[in-house]
N, C-alpha and C. Protein backbone atom coordinates (compact mmCIF):
# COMPACT_ATOMS: atom_id res chain seq x y z
N MET A 1 119.41 89.59 105.77
CA MET A 1 119.76 91.21 105.63
C MET A 1 120.74 91.65 105.88
N SER A 2 121.59 92.39 105.72
CA SER A 2 122.84 92.75 105.59
C SER A 2 123.23 93.72 107.10
N THR A 3 124.04 93.22 107.46
CA THR A 3 124.71 94.04 108.77
C THR A 3 125.73 94.97 109.19
N GLY A 4 125.44 95.64 108.10
CA GLY A 4 126.84 96.87 108.04
C GLY A 4 126.26 97.64 109.07
N GLU A 5 127.56 98.47 108.67
CA GLU A 5 127.47 99.39 110.40
C GLU A 5 126.93 100.69 109.91
N LEU A 6 125.85 101.40 108.52
CA LEU A 6 125.52 101.84 108.07
C LEU A 6 123.98 101.76 107.78
N LEU A 7 124.18 100.75 106.66
CA LEU A 7 122.75 100.39 106.52
C LEU A 7 122.43 99.08 106.92
N SER A 8 121.15 98.62 106.96
CA SER A 8 120.44 97.30 106.95
C SER A 8 119.73 96.78 105.33
N ILE A 9 120.21 96.34 104.53
CA ILE A 9 119.69 95.72 103.57
C ILE A 9 118.77 94.81 103.39
N GLU A 10 117.82 94.32 103.06
CA GLU A 10 116.75 93.94 102.50
C GLU A 10 115.80 93.71 101.36
N PRO A 11 116.40 92.49 100.76
CA PRO A 11 116.93 91.30 100.67
C PRO A 11 118.44 91.48 100.26
N LEU A 12 119.36 90.37 100.76
CA LEU A 12 120.41 90.49 99.84
C LEU A 12 120.33 89.66 98.76
N GLU A 13 119.35 89.36 97.93
CA GLU A 13 119.18 88.20 96.51
C GLU A 13 118.53 89.55 95.91
N LEU A 14 118.16 89.75 94.93
CA LEU A 14 117.44 89.96 93.75
C LEU A 14 116.92 89.12 93.25
N LYS A 15 115.19 88.96 93.38
CA LYS A 15 114.82 87.98 93.25
C LYS A 15 113.82 88.51 92.39
N PHE A 16 113.67 88.01 90.84
CA PHE A 16 112.96 88.18 89.57
C PHE A 16 112.01 86.82 89.00
N PRO A 17 111.25 86.79 89.53
CA PRO A 17 110.17 85.68 88.77
C PRO A 17 110.12 86.27 86.85
N PHE A 18 111.36 85.09 86.55
CA PHE A 18 111.90 85.55 85.08
C PHE A 18 110.68 85.24 84.19
N GLU A 19 110.29 86.00 83.38
CA GLU A 19 108.97 86.04 82.30
C GLU A 19 109.89 85.87 80.56
N LEU A 20 110.11 85.29 80.10
CA LEU A 20 110.29 85.56 78.56
C LEU A 20 109.58 87.30 78.06
N LYS A 21 109.94 88.35 77.41
CA LYS A 21 109.38 89.55 77.04
C LYS A 21 108.68 90.79 78.15
N LYS A 22 109.10 90.07 78.93
CA LYS A 22 108.21 91.02 80.04
C LYS A 22 109.24 91.72 81.13
N GLN A 23 108.97 92.89 81.30
CA GLN A 23 109.91 93.77 82.22
C GLN A 23 108.99 93.48 83.89
N ILE A 24 110.30 92.95 84.61
CA ILE A 24 109.93 92.82 85.68
C ILE A 24 110.94 94.05 87.07
N SER A 25 109.83 93.72 88.40
CA SER A 25 110.93 94.72 88.94
C SER A 25 110.62 93.76 90.61
N CYS A 26 111.82 94.45 90.98
CA CYS A 26 111.81 93.69 92.51
C CYS A 26 112.45 95.07 93.93
N SER A 27 112.39 94.97 94.71
CA SER A 27 112.49 96.22 95.54
C SER A 27 113.26 95.98 96.53
N LEU A 28 114.48 96.79 96.96
CA LEU A 28 115.65 96.66 98.05
C LEU A 28 114.69 97.54 98.96
N GLN A 29 114.96 97.20 100.52
CA GLN A 29 114.59 98.52 102.08
C GLN A 29 115.81 98.46 102.25
N LEU A 30 116.19 99.54 102.40
CA LEU A 30 117.37 100.38 103.07
C LEU A 30 116.76 100.95 104.63
N LEU A 31 117.69 100.53 105.44
CA LEU A 31 117.62 101.02 107.26
C LEU A 31 118.89 101.62 107.46
N ASN A 32 118.87 102.76 107.75
CA ASN A 32 119.75 103.63 108.41
C ASN A 32 120.13 103.29 109.73
N LYS A 33 121.28 102.72 109.98
CA LYS A 33 121.01 102.20 111.94
C LYS A 33 121.68 103.13 112.35
N THR A 34 122.07 104.67 112.30
CA THR A 34 122.58 105.31 112.63
C THR A 34 122.09 106.70 113.24
N ASP A 35 122.82 107.86 113.89
CA ASP A 35 121.92 109.19 114.09
C ASP A 35 122.52 110.32 113.35
N SER A 36 123.43 109.56 112.13
CA SER A 36 124.10 110.41 111.00
C SER A 36 122.79 110.64 109.55
N TYR A 37 123.35 111.20 108.83
CA TYR A 37 123.14 110.95 107.27
C TYR A 37 123.57 110.36 106.96
N VAL A 38 122.96 109.33 105.72
CA VAL A 38 123.81 108.33 104.86
C VAL A 38 123.21 108.37 103.38
N VAL A 39 124.07 108.38 103.08
CA VAL A 39 124.42 108.69 101.14
C VAL A 39 124.51 106.99 100.69
N PHE A 40 123.86 106.69 100.02
CA PHE A 40 124.08 105.56 99.01
C PHE A 40 124.13 105.71 97.58
N LYS A 41 125.04 104.70 96.91
CA LYS A 41 124.65 104.45 95.36
C LYS A 41 125.10 102.97 95.16
N VAL A 42 124.04 102.79 94.00
CA VAL A 42 124.00 101.66 93.40
C VAL A 42 124.39 101.30 92.23
N LYS A 43 125.14 100.47 92.10
CA LYS A 43 125.81 100.06 90.91
C LYS A 43 125.40 98.56 90.12
N THR A 44 125.82 98.43 88.98
CA THR A 44 125.71 97.02 88.64
C THR A 44 126.47 96.62 87.61
N THR A 45 126.81 95.31 87.10
CA THR A 45 127.71 94.95 85.97
C THR A 45 127.03 94.66 84.58
N ASN A 46 125.86 94.95 85.29
CA ASN A 46 125.20 95.45 83.63
C ASN A 46 123.65 96.20 83.53
N PRO A 47 124.54 97.45 83.71
CA PRO A 47 123.75 98.59 83.63
C PRO A 47 122.44 98.86 82.32
N LYS A 48 123.04 98.14 81.22
CA LYS A 48 121.69 98.26 80.26
C LYS A 48 120.90 97.16 80.31
N LYS A 49 120.65 96.76 81.05
CA LYS A 49 119.50 95.77 81.28
C LYS A 49 119.03 95.77 82.55
N TYR A 50 119.27 96.75 83.37
CA TYR A 50 118.64 97.09 84.63
C TYR A 50 118.32 98.53 84.89
N CYS A 51 117.15 98.94 85.73
CA CYS A 51 116.56 100.22 85.86
C CYS A 51 116.84 100.55 87.15
N VAL A 52 117.75 101.55 87.98
CA VAL A 52 117.57 101.64 89.73
C VAL A 52 116.91 102.93 89.77
N ARG A 53 115.83 102.88 90.79
CA ARG A 53 115.28 104.06 91.04
C ARG A 53 115.06 104.00 92.25
N PRO A 54 115.72 105.10 93.20
CA PRO A 54 116.66 105.96 92.72
C PRO A 54 117.94 104.99 93.07
N ASN A 55 119.28 105.86 92.08
CA ASN A 55 120.25 105.05 92.17
C ASN A 55 121.14 105.19 93.08
N THR A 56 121.05 106.79 93.34
CA THR A 56 121.95 107.22 94.59
C THR A 56 120.79 108.16 95.67
N GLY A 57 120.73 108.30 96.54
CA GLY A 57 120.01 108.96 97.73
C GLY A 57 120.27 109.02 99.00
N ILE A 58 119.76 109.27 99.89
CA ILE A 58 120.12 109.96 101.32
C ILE A 58 118.96 109.36 101.82
N VAL A 59 119.44 108.49 103.01
CA VAL A 59 118.64 107.78 104.12
C VAL A 59 118.65 108.23 105.68
N LEU A 60 117.75 109.36 105.64
CA LEU A 60 117.66 109.78 107.02
C LEU A 60 118.10 109.01 108.21
N PRO A 61 118.66 109.60 109.41
CA PRO A 61 118.71 108.65 110.49
C PRO A 61 117.83 107.83 111.02
N ARG A 62 118.05 106.91 111.42
CA ARG A 62 116.91 105.71 111.84
C ARG A 62 115.57 105.81 110.79
N SER A 63 115.67 105.65 109.81
CA SER A 63 114.47 105.63 109.08
C SER A 63 115.13 104.78 107.78
N THR A 64 114.43 104.59 106.75
CA THR A 64 114.05 103.62 105.89
C THR A 64 113.97 104.63 104.37
N CYS A 65 114.28 103.40 103.51
CA CYS A 65 114.25 104.03 101.59
C CYS A 65 114.14 102.84 101.19
N ASP A 66 112.82 102.95 99.84
CA ASP A 66 113.31 102.06 99.21
C ASP A 66 113.52 102.37 97.84
N VAL A 67 113.93 101.18 97.59
CA VAL A 67 114.99 101.03 95.41
C VAL A 67 114.05 100.44 95.63
N MET A 68 113.52 100.43 93.84
CA MET A 68 113.40 99.57 92.84
C MET A 68 114.04 99.19 91.26
N VAL A 69 114.43 98.07 91.74
CA VAL A 69 115.20 97.62 90.24
C VAL A 69 114.18 97.27 89.67
N THR A 70 114.45 97.20 88.01
CA THR A 70 113.50 97.13 87.28
C THR A 70 114.23 96.33 85.96
N MET A 71 114.27 94.70 85.63
CA MET A 71 114.87 94.23 84.78
C MET A 71 114.14 94.54 83.56
N GLN A 72 115.07 94.70 82.29
CA GLN A 72 114.28 95.46 80.62
C GLN A 72 113.82 93.57 80.47
N ALA A 73 112.83 93.85 79.48
CA ALA A 73 112.35 92.81 79.04
C ALA A 73 113.07 91.88 78.17
N GLN A 74 113.17 90.43 78.51
CA GLN A 74 114.40 89.95 77.80
C GLN A 74 113.66 88.82 76.99
N LYS A 75 114.48 88.95 75.57
CA LYS A 75 113.88 88.12 74.63
C LYS A 75 114.61 86.60 74.72
N GLU A 76 115.42 86.08 75.60
CA GLU A 76 115.59 84.69 75.77
C GLU A 76 116.10 84.23 77.01
N ALA A 77 115.89 83.03 77.60
CA ALA A 77 116.09 83.04 79.08
C ALA A 77 117.79 82.36 78.98
N PRO A 78 118.58 82.77 80.33
CA PRO A 78 119.89 81.95 80.46
C PRO A 78 119.83 80.91 80.74
N PRO A 79 120.95 79.83 79.95
CA PRO A 79 120.71 78.84 80.22
C PRO A 79 120.64 78.28 82.05
N ASP A 80 119.99 77.37 82.10
CA ASP A 80 119.49 77.03 83.05
C ASP A 80 119.24 77.50 83.90
N MET A 81 118.58 78.77 83.97
CA MET A 81 118.62 80.15 84.66
C MET A 81 118.98 80.59 85.58
N GLN A 82 120.41 80.56 85.22
CA GLN A 82 121.14 80.81 86.06
C GLN A 82 121.56 82.23 85.44
N CYS A 83 121.88 83.47 86.56
CA CYS A 83 122.16 84.66 86.33
C CYS A 83 123.26 84.99 86.67
N LYS A 84 124.22 85.66 85.95
CA LYS A 84 125.61 86.14 86.83
C LYS A 84 125.53 87.46 87.21
N ASP A 85 124.55 88.31 86.97
CA ASP A 85 124.50 89.90 86.71
C ASP A 85 124.93 90.18 88.46
N LYS A 86 125.42 91.35 89.31
CA LYS A 86 125.65 91.42 90.15
C LYS A 86 125.43 93.34 90.26
N PHE A 87 124.91 93.35 91.73
CA PHE A 87 124.53 94.50 92.19
C PHE A 87 125.71 95.00 93.41
N LEU A 88 126.27 96.57 93.36
CA LEU A 88 126.82 96.59 94.14
C LEU A 88 126.21 98.12 95.11
N LEU A 89 125.79 98.12 96.28
CA LEU A 89 125.47 99.20 97.16
C LEU A 89 126.76 99.73 98.03
N GLN A 90 126.99 100.84 97.79
CA GLN A 90 127.42 101.45 98.53
C GLN A 90 127.43 102.42 99.30
N SER A 91 127.42 102.53 100.64
CA SER A 91 127.30 103.81 101.58
C SER A 91 128.47 104.66 102.21
N VAL A 92 128.02 106.08 102.81
CA VAL A 92 129.04 106.68 103.39
C VAL A 92 128.31 107.74 104.26
N LYS A 93 128.45 108.21 105.31
CA LYS A 93 127.80 109.11 105.93
C LYS A 93 127.95 110.09 105.36
N THR A 94 127.29 111.63 105.37
CA THR A 94 127.50 112.56 105.26
C THR A 94 127.25 113.39 105.88
N ASN A 95 127.14 115.11 105.46
CA ASN A 95 126.57 116.00 106.31
C ASN A 95 124.80 116.07 106.76
N ASP A 96 124.81 116.40 108.05
CA ASP A 96 123.45 116.35 108.36
C ASP A 96 122.82 117.23 107.58
N GLY A 97 121.55 117.23 107.04
CA GLY A 97 121.17 118.31 106.72
C GLY A 97 121.31 118.25 105.13
N ALA A 98 122.14 117.18 104.30
CA ALA A 98 121.97 117.05 102.91
C ALA A 98 121.43 117.02 102.20
N SER A 99 121.18 117.22 101.37
CA SER A 99 119.85 116.80 100.16
C SER A 99 120.56 115.54 98.90
N PRO A 100 119.62 115.03 98.06
CA PRO A 100 120.08 114.31 96.97
C PRO A 100 120.57 114.98 95.75
N LYS A 101 120.68 116.70 95.88
CA LYS A 101 121.53 117.31 95.36
C LYS A 101 123.38 117.17 95.64
N ASP A 102 123.22 117.43 96.69
CA ASP A 102 124.50 117.50 97.47
C ASP A 102 125.49 116.33 96.84
N ILE A 103 124.72 115.31 96.17
CA ILE A 103 125.44 113.97 96.07
C ILE A 103 126.44 113.93 95.35
N THR A 104 128.04 113.96 95.13
CA THR A 104 128.69 113.56 93.91
C THR A 104 129.64 112.45 94.16
N ALA A 105 130.05 112.01 92.91
CA ALA A 105 130.85 110.53 92.72
C ALA A 105 132.28 110.84 94.44
N GLU A 106 132.83 112.03 94.24
CA GLU A 106 133.76 112.03 95.21
C GLU A 106 133.55 111.34 96.62
N MET A 107 132.32 111.14 96.74
CA MET A 107 131.94 110.89 98.45
C MET A 107 132.27 109.45 98.46
N PHE A 108 132.39 108.58 97.50
CA PHE A 108 132.29 107.49 97.39
C PHE A 108 134.02 106.70 97.20
N ASN A 109 134.93 107.95 97.38
CA ASN A 109 136.18 107.88 96.78
C ASN A 109 136.94 107.04 97.71
N LYS A 110 137.08 106.33 97.70
CA LYS A 110 138.13 105.91 99.13
C LYS A 110 139.83 106.10 99.30
N GLU A 111 140.29 106.48 97.66
CA GLU A 111 141.59 106.88 97.91
C GLU A 111 141.23 108.17 98.26
N ALA A 112 140.54 109.08 98.75
CA ALA A 112 140.02 110.54 98.75
C ALA A 112 140.14 110.51 100.72
N GLY A 113 139.98 109.52 101.08
CA GLY A 113 139.93 108.77 102.35
C GLY A 113 138.53 109.21 102.85
N HIS A 114 137.34 108.73 102.06
CA HIS A 114 136.48 108.69 102.62
C HIS A 114 136.16 107.00 103.12
N VAL A 115 135.49 106.36 104.11
CA VAL A 115 135.36 105.71 104.73
C VAL A 115 133.75 104.94 103.90
N VAL A 116 133.99 104.21 103.06
CA VAL A 116 132.76 103.55 102.34
C VAL A 116 132.57 102.12 102.60
N GLU A 117 131.55 102.10 103.22
CA GLU A 117 130.50 100.78 103.89
C GLU A 117 129.78 99.97 102.04
N GLU A 118 130.43 98.57 101.56
CA GLU A 118 130.25 97.95 100.20
C GLU A 118 128.92 96.84 100.61
N CYS A 119 128.25 96.62 99.92
CA CYS A 119 127.90 95.19 100.13
C CYS A 119 127.14 94.63 98.53
N LYS A 120 127.18 93.36 98.43
CA LYS A 120 126.63 93.03 97.12
C LYS A 120 126.05 92.20 97.31
N LEU A 121 125.11 92.33 96.37
CA LEU A 121 123.77 91.76 96.22
C LEU A 121 123.80 91.18 94.57
N ARG A 122 123.31 89.82 94.87
CA ARG A 122 123.44 88.62 93.46
C ARG A 122 122.10 88.86 93.02
N VAL A 123 121.62 88.53 91.71
CA VAL A 123 120.59 88.21 91.06
C VAL A 123 120.14 86.60 90.69
N VAL A 124 118.92 86.52 91.07
CA VAL A 124 118.71 85.26 90.99
C VAL A 124 116.99 85.33 90.31
N TYR A 125 116.82 84.35 89.18
CA TYR A 125 115.53 83.82 88.80
C TYR A 125 114.76 83.06 89.35
N VAL A 126 113.52 83.18 89.69
CA VAL A 126 112.76 82.19 90.11
C VAL A 126 111.65 82.00 89.18
N SER A 127 110.93 80.83 89.26
CA SER A 127 109.62 80.62 88.43
C SER A 127 108.51 81.25 88.79
N PRO A 128 107.56 81.63 87.88
CA PRO A 128 106.55 82.48 87.96
C PRO A 128 105.65 81.85 89.66
N ALA A 129 105.06 82.21 90.03
CA ALA A 129 104.26 81.84 90.99
C ALA A 129 103.18 80.82 89.89
N GLN A 130 102.83 79.44 90.65
CA GLN A 130 101.98 78.33 89.88
C GLN A 130 100.73 78.88 90.14
N PRO A 131 99.69 78.61 89.81
CA PRO A 131 98.17 78.95 89.93
C PRO A 131 97.82 77.62 91.07
N PRO A 132 96.72 77.60 91.82
CA PRO A 132 96.64 76.93 92.83
C PRO A 132 95.88 76.04 92.28
N SER A 133 95.75 74.64 92.88
CA SER A 133 95.37 73.51 92.45
C SER A 133 94.01 73.90 92.47
N PRO A 134 92.79 73.15 91.20
CA PRO A 134 91.60 73.33 91.17
C PRO A 134 90.97 72.27 92.43
N VAL A 135 91.60 71.42 92.93
CA VAL A 135 91.33 70.32 94.31
C VAL A 135 91.02 70.98 95.28
N PRO A 136 90.14 71.32 95.83
CA PRO A 136 89.87 71.88 97.23
C PRO A 136 90.89 71.30 98.45
N GLU A 137 91.28 71.61 98.96
CA GLU A 137 92.04 70.88 100.16
C GLU A 137 91.06 70.10 101.01
N GLY A 138 91.44 68.64 101.30
CA GLY A 138 90.78 67.81 102.15
C GLY A 138 90.39 67.01 101.47
N SER A 139 89.71 67.27 99.94
CA SER A 139 88.98 66.53 99.40
C SER A 139 89.52 64.85 99.29
N GLU A 140 88.82 63.79 99.09
CA GLU A 140 89.25 62.57 98.79
C GLU A 140 88.48 61.82 97.29
N GLU A 141 89.20 61.39 97.76
CA GLU A 141 88.49 60.76 96.24
C GLU A 141 87.57 59.53 96.55
N GLY A 142 86.54 59.59 95.80
CA GLY A 142 85.14 58.95 96.05
C GLY A 142 84.19 59.91 97.08
N SER A 143 84.54 60.89 97.03
CA SER A 143 83.78 61.99 97.96
C SER A 143 82.97 62.36 97.27
N SER A 144 82.41 63.25 97.71
CA SER A 144 81.03 64.05 97.23
C SER A 144 81.09 64.90 95.84
N PRO A 145 80.11 64.89 95.07
CA PRO A 145 81.04 65.64 94.02
C PRO A 145 80.88 67.47 94.01
N ARG A 146 81.05 67.79 95.05
CA ARG A 146 80.74 68.97 95.37
C ARG A 146 81.85 69.78 94.69
N GLY A 147 82.95 69.43 94.63
CA GLY A 147 84.11 69.94 94.52
C GLY A 147 84.07 69.87 92.99
N SER A 148 83.92 69.37 92.32
CA SER A 148 83.86 69.90 90.63
C SER A 148 82.90 70.61 90.37
N VAL A 149 81.56 70.67 91.66
CA VAL A 149 80.92 71.76 91.14
C VAL A 149 81.50 73.11 91.33
N SER A 150 82.09 73.05 92.15
CA SER A 150 82.73 73.91 92.87
C SER A 150 84.11 75.00 91.80
N GLU A 151 84.37 73.79 91.02
CA GLU A 151 85.43 74.28 90.27
C GLU A 151 84.71 75.16 88.98
N ASN A 152 83.63 74.77 88.94
CA ASN A 152 82.95 75.57 87.43
C ASN A 152 82.09 76.35 88.28
N GLY A 153 82.22 77.69 88.36
CA GLY A 153 81.21 78.66 88.41
C GLY A 153 79.73 78.83 88.08
N ASN A 154 79.92 78.80 87.01
CA ASN A 154 78.87 78.30 85.79
C ASN A 154 77.98 77.58 86.28
N ALA A 155 78.51 75.84 86.81
CA ALA A 155 77.15 74.83 87.21
C ALA A 155 76.68 75.53 88.91
N ASN A 156 76.91 76.21 89.81
CA ASN A 156 76.25 76.59 90.56
C ASN A 156 75.17 77.39 90.01
N GLY A 157 75.66 78.49 89.20
CA GLY A 157 75.09 79.67 88.50
C GLY A 157 73.68 78.99 87.78
N SER A 158 74.19 77.87 86.81
CA SER A 158 73.25 77.59 85.85
C SER A 158 71.57 76.41 86.83
N ASP A 159 73.02 76.03 88.27
CA ASP A 159 71.19 75.23 88.87
C ASP A 159 70.59 75.97 89.58
N PHE A 160 70.86 77.27 89.97
CA PHE A 160 70.15 78.33 90.62
C PHE A 160 69.27 79.13 89.95
N THR A 161 69.37 78.94 88.48
CA THR A 161 68.30 79.55 87.38
C THR A 161 67.44 78.51 87.65
N GLN A 162 68.20 77.21 87.05
CA GLN A 162 66.89 76.34 86.57
C GLN A 162 66.15 76.32 88.03
N ALA A 163 66.59 76.13 89.63
CA ALA A 163 65.84 76.36 90.52
C ALA A 163 65.13 77.23 90.69
N ARG A 164 65.25 78.76 90.29
CA ARG A 164 64.18 79.73 90.08
C ARG A 164 63.08 80.09 89.50
N ALA A 165 63.21 78.87 87.82
CA ALA A 165 62.43 78.76 86.93
C ALA A 165 61.38 77.85 87.39
N LEU A 166 61.85 76.92 87.85
CA LEU A 166 61.28 75.71 88.38
C LEU A 166 60.26 76.18 89.18
N ILE A 167 60.53 77.11 90.48
CA ILE A 167 59.75 78.15 91.36
C ILE A 167 58.61 78.66 90.97
N SER A 168 58.90 79.27 89.80
CA SER A 168 58.39 80.31 88.95
C SER A 168 56.90 79.55 88.56
N ARG A 169 57.38 78.14 87.68
CA ARG A 169 56.12 77.82 87.47
C ARG A 169 55.44 76.87 88.44
N LEU A 170 55.80 76.64 89.06
CA LEU A 170 54.81 76.10 89.71
C LEU A 170 54.28 76.76 90.71
N THR A 171 54.70 77.77 90.92
CA THR A 171 53.76 79.30 91.99
C THR A 171 53.07 79.50 91.07
N GLU A 172 52.95 79.99 89.29
CA GLU A 172 52.21 80.04 88.33
C GLU A 172 51.20 79.16 88.42
N GLU A 173 51.43 78.01 88.38
CA GLU A 173 50.34 77.00 88.23
C GLU A 173 49.39 76.75 89.78
N LYS A 174 50.21 77.33 90.81
CA LYS A 174 49.21 77.14 91.89
C LYS A 174 48.38 78.04 91.99
N ASN A 175 48.73 79.17 91.61
CA ASN A 175 47.60 80.95 91.63
C ASN A 175 46.97 80.37 90.45
N ASN A 176 46.92 79.57 88.95
CA ASN A 176 46.22 79.16 88.40
C ASN A 176 44.84 78.30 89.23
N ALA A 177 45.59 77.23 89.55
CA ALA A 177 44.74 76.24 90.06
C ALA A 177 43.44 77.14 91.29
N ILE A 178 44.39 77.88 92.36
CA ILE A 178 43.42 78.47 93.34
C ILE A 178 42.67 79.46 92.77
N GLN A 179 42.63 80.12 91.50
CA GLN A 179 41.80 80.63 90.30
C GLN A 179 40.82 79.73 90.40
N GLN A 180 41.08 78.56 89.81
CA GLN A 180 39.91 77.65 89.09
C GLN A 180 39.27 77.49 90.27
N ASN A 181 40.03 76.85 91.10
CA ASN A 181 38.95 76.43 92.65
C ASN A 181 37.78 77.56 93.06
N THR A 182 38.70 78.66 92.83
CA THR A 182 37.11 79.97 93.67
C THR A 182 36.36 80.00 92.40
N LYS A 183 36.59 79.92 91.28
CA LYS A 183 35.77 79.75 90.26
C LYS A 183 34.88 78.40 90.35
N LEU A 184 35.23 77.51 90.61
CA LEU A 184 34.24 76.63 90.85
C LEU A 184 33.47 76.28 91.91
N ARG A 185 34.11 76.97 93.45
CA ARG A 185 33.11 77.61 94.49
C ARG A 185 32.12 78.29 94.42
N GLN A 186 32.43 79.19 93.50
CA GLN A 186 31.08 80.30 92.74
C GLN A 186 30.31 79.36 92.48
N GLU A 187 30.26 78.89 91.46
CA GLU A 187 29.82 77.79 90.58
C GLU A 187 28.75 76.95 91.11
N LEU A 188 29.12 76.39 92.25
CA LEU A 188 29.10 75.18 92.58
C LEU A 188 28.14 75.73 94.11
N GLU A 189 28.35 77.15 94.46
CA GLU A 189 27.02 77.48 95.42
C GLU A 189 26.07 78.44 94.27
N LEU A 190 26.47 78.59 93.18
CA LEU A 190 25.23 79.18 92.68
C LEU A 190 24.24 77.97 92.06
N LEU A 191 24.91 76.67 92.15
CA LEU A 191 24.13 75.59 91.30
C LEU A 191 23.12 75.22 92.85
N LYS A 192 24.00 75.09 94.13
CA LYS A 192 23.11 74.98 95.05
C LYS A 192 21.98 75.47 95.35
N ARG A 193 22.25 77.11 95.02
CA ARG A 193 20.94 77.84 95.33
C ARG A 193 19.66 77.48 94.09
N GLU A 194 20.62 77.11 92.94
CA GLU A 194 19.44 76.80 91.97
C GLU A 194 18.59 75.60 92.15
N GLY A 195 19.62 74.81 93.09
CA GLY A 195 18.95 73.15 93.28
C GLY A 195 18.08 73.22 94.49
N ASN A 196 17.94 74.17 94.92
CA ASN A 196 16.83 74.27 96.11
C ASN A 196 15.81 74.95 95.61
N LYS A 197 15.62 75.30 94.29
CA LYS A 197 14.25 75.53 93.35
C LYS A 197 14.21 74.52 92.66
N ASN A 198 14.97 73.43 92.02
CA ASN A 198 15.04 72.46 91.23
C ASN A 198 15.56 71.76 91.75
N ARG A 199 15.24 70.08 92.55
CA ARG A 199 16.78 69.73 92.96
C ARG A 199 16.47 68.40 91.78
N GLY A 200 15.81 68.42 91.34
CA GLY A 200 15.62 67.07 90.46
C GLY A 200 16.94 67.71 89.44
N GLY A 201 17.07 68.18 88.58
CA GLY A 201 17.75 68.64 87.36
C GLY A 201 19.13 68.94 87.58
N VAL A 202 19.72 68.93 88.92
CA VAL A 202 21.05 69.16 89.18
C VAL A 202 22.19 68.41 89.65
N SER A 203 21.21 67.61 90.54
CA SER A 203 21.65 66.03 90.99
C SER A 203 23.66 65.93 90.37
N PHE A 204 23.30 65.48 88.68
CA PHE A 204 24.39 64.91 88.30
C PHE A 204 25.46 65.80 88.06
N ILE A 205 24.96 66.81 87.43
CA ILE A 205 25.97 67.99 87.64
C ILE A 205 26.85 68.56 88.35
N PHE A 206 26.15 68.61 89.73
CA PHE A 206 26.68 68.88 91.31
C PHE A 206 27.79 67.66 91.14
N VAL A 207 27.39 66.53 91.12
CA VAL A 207 28.43 65.38 91.64
C VAL A 207 29.92 65.51 90.53
N ILE A 208 29.45 66.20 89.35
CA ILE A 208 30.58 65.92 88.55
C ILE A 208 31.56 67.20 89.07
N LEU A 209 30.77 68.48 89.24
CA LEU A 209 31.49 69.38 89.68
C LEU A 209 32.14 69.26 90.80
N ILE A 210 31.45 68.22 91.97
CA ILE A 210 32.59 67.93 93.36
C ILE A 210 33.79 67.36 92.87
N GLY A 211 33.47 66.20 91.91
CA GLY A 211 34.83 65.39 91.38
C GLY A 211 35.77 66.25 91.26
N LEU A 212 35.45 67.27 89.87
CA LEU A 212 36.66 68.12 89.60
C LEU A 212 37.02 68.68 90.40
N LEU A 213 36.39 69.05 91.59
CA LEU A 213 37.36 69.90 92.62
C LEU A 213 37.79 69.10 93.46
N GLY A 214 37.64 67.95 93.82
CA GLY A 214 38.63 67.14 94.24
C GLY A 214 39.95 66.77 93.14
N ILE A 215 39.58 66.70 92.33
CA ILE A 215 40.86 66.03 91.31
C ILE A 215 41.92 67.77 91.50
N ILE A 216 41.15 69.03 91.23
CA ILE A 216 42.46 70.32 91.22
C ILE A 216 42.60 70.49 92.39
N MET A 217 42.02 70.22 93.56
CA MET A 217 42.80 70.14 94.93
C MET A 217 44.22 69.18 95.30
N GLY A 218 43.67 67.95 95.06
CA GLY A 218 44.57 66.80 95.06
C GLY A 218 45.83 67.35 93.94
N TYR A 219 45.77 67.96 92.84
CA TYR A 219 47.00 67.98 92.31
C TYR A 219 47.46 69.47 92.65
N LEU A 220 47.11 70.75 93.25
CA LEU A 220 47.38 71.37 93.93
C LEU A 220 47.84 71.03 94.90
N MET A 221 47.70 69.89 95.76
CA MET A 221 48.57 70.04 97.03
C MET A 221 49.85 69.33 96.69
N LYS A 222 49.74 67.91 95.39
CA LYS A 222 51.04 67.61 95.11
C LYS A 222 52.32 68.49 94.45
N LYS A 223 51.72 69.55 93.78
CA LYS A 223 52.45 70.53 93.54
C LYS A 223 53.48 71.23 94.60
N THR A 224 52.33 71.65 95.63
CA THR A 224 53.45 72.58 96.78
C THR A 224 54.27 71.40 97.69
């Protein structure tokens, strides 16, 4: 941060995450350290390459102002990603109550006796942020395969869908078994009543039904 008498400037380096054929922006924050109105102006050694908004303005007493610097899309990268472009921020006190329309080039003329504070800013190209590692933090070789599953969100979703389908099928089979069990119980009761009237003819059928009922109940308990 600049320690000028009028403005504090943050940062002193304009860092652009350089990418070819992409317009990139970064911002400056100006803090008025005085109880006076301060007017500023931003200049660059390469005005065709950059757009500064606002390039002139007024910072009210003890207030801040943000300046956006936009680099136009570049067709090729400089050698070794080094940039020689520079910016110059000039600031000077002005009359209280002044507005941006009152700003003139004469205000920054040192030869006219104006006390102009200047701060030079350099341009730095940085590599774009790298994507986070797909390996979860703290995972170790030989640990559970939970990390590989979390790398692919579709894996968890597929397992969940299969589990729901299995539960649905088992529930359907359970309901069918219960219905068959109920039907057999009803038929068994009917046979019991008939058996009271004619005990000799239904004993063999009764034994078969009892066996089927046991098989169905065993299947039902195994599925649940």
